[in-house]
Amino acid sequence: MKRLGTNRRESTKRTQTATMRRIVADFMKTAGDEYREAGYPFGNSLHGLLIWFEYGQHSTDN
């Protein structure tokens, strides 16, 4: 019987495929472009981008 849960070695190997890297890179490029078009409402950083996602990609003028 296979143990439930994640096997760190197997999951790491699976996510390091060329296809997965391309998907993540394309997503980050698109997200970065949209964040820039929104005017960097939470600052010009990855942390600001993540906050923007947390707020549902909505921002208000200060």
Protein backbone atom coordinates (compact mmCIF):
# COMPACT_ATOMS: atom_id res chain seq x y z
CA MET A 1 0.00 0.00 0.00
CA LYS A 2 1.38 3.38 -0.99
CA ARG A 3 1.70 5.91 1.79
CA LEU A 4 -0.45 9.01 1.45
CA GLY A 5 1.22 12.39 1.33
CA THR A 6 3.82 13.91 -0.91
CA ASN A 7 7.18 12.46 -1.63
CA ARG A 8 9.48 15.47 -1.75
CA ARG A 9 11.89 13.88 -4.23
CA GLU A 10 9.12 12.90 -6.66
CA SER A 11 7.30 16.24 -6.49
CA THR A 12 10.55 18.18 -6.96
CA LYS A 13 11.48 16.11 -9.98
CA ARG A 14 8.02 16.61 -11.51
CA THR A 15 8.07 20.40 -11.18
CA GLN A 16 11.50 20.83 -12.73
CA THR A 17 10.41 19.83 -16.20
CA ALA A 18 10.98 22.17 -19.10
CA THR A 19 7.22 22.44 -19.66
CA MET A 20 6.55 23.52 -16.07
CA ARG A 21 9.35 26.09 -16.17
CA ARG A 22 7.90 27.52 -19.40
CA ILE A 23 4.38 27.71 -17.90
CA VAL A 24 5.64 29.51 -14.79
CA ALA A 25 7.83 31.87 -16.83
CA ASP A 26 4.94 32.74 -19.16
CA PHE A 27 2.63 33.33 -16.19
CA MET A 28 5.15 35.61 -14.46
CA LYS A 29 5.72 37.60 -17.65
CA THR A 30 1.99 38.10 -18.16
CA ALA A 31 1.44 38.97 -14.49
CA GLY A 32 4.35 41.42 -14.55
CA ASP A 33 3.03 43.10 -17.70
CA GLU A 34 -0.45 43.48 -16.19
CA TYR A 35 0.98 44.81 -12.92
CA ARG A 36 3.05 47.37 -14.83
CA GLU A 37 -0.04 48.43 -16.82
CA ALA A 38 -1.88 48.91 -13.51
CA GLY A 39 0.84 51.41 -12.56
CA TYR A 40 2.65 49.35 -9.88
CA PRO A 41 0.02 50.18 -7.22
CA PHE A 42 1.99 48.42 -4.45
CA GLY A 43 5.49 49.29 -5.58
CA ASN A 44 7.87 48.02 -8.22
CA SER A 45 8.75 44.68 -6.61
CA LEU A 46 7.71 41.04 -6.53
CA HIS A 47 6.31 41.62 -3.04
CA GLY A 48 4.10 44.40 -4.41
CA LEU A 49 2.92 42.12 -7.21
CA LEU A 50 1.96 39.43 -4.69
CA ILE A 51 0.02 41.94 -2.58
CA TRP A 52 -1.79 43.05 -5.73
CA PHE A 53 -2.83 39.44 -6.37
CA GLU A 54 -3.93 39.10 -2.75
CA TYR A 55 -6.30 42.03 -3.22
CA GLY A 56 -7.80 40.48 -6.34
CA GLN A 57 -5.86 42.70 -8.75
CA HIS A 58 -7.78 45.77 -7.65
CA SER A 59 -6.13 49.01 -6.63
CA THR A 60 -7.18 52.51 -5.79
CA ASP A 61 -5.46 55.82 -6.31
CA ASN A 62 -3.81 57.14 -3.18
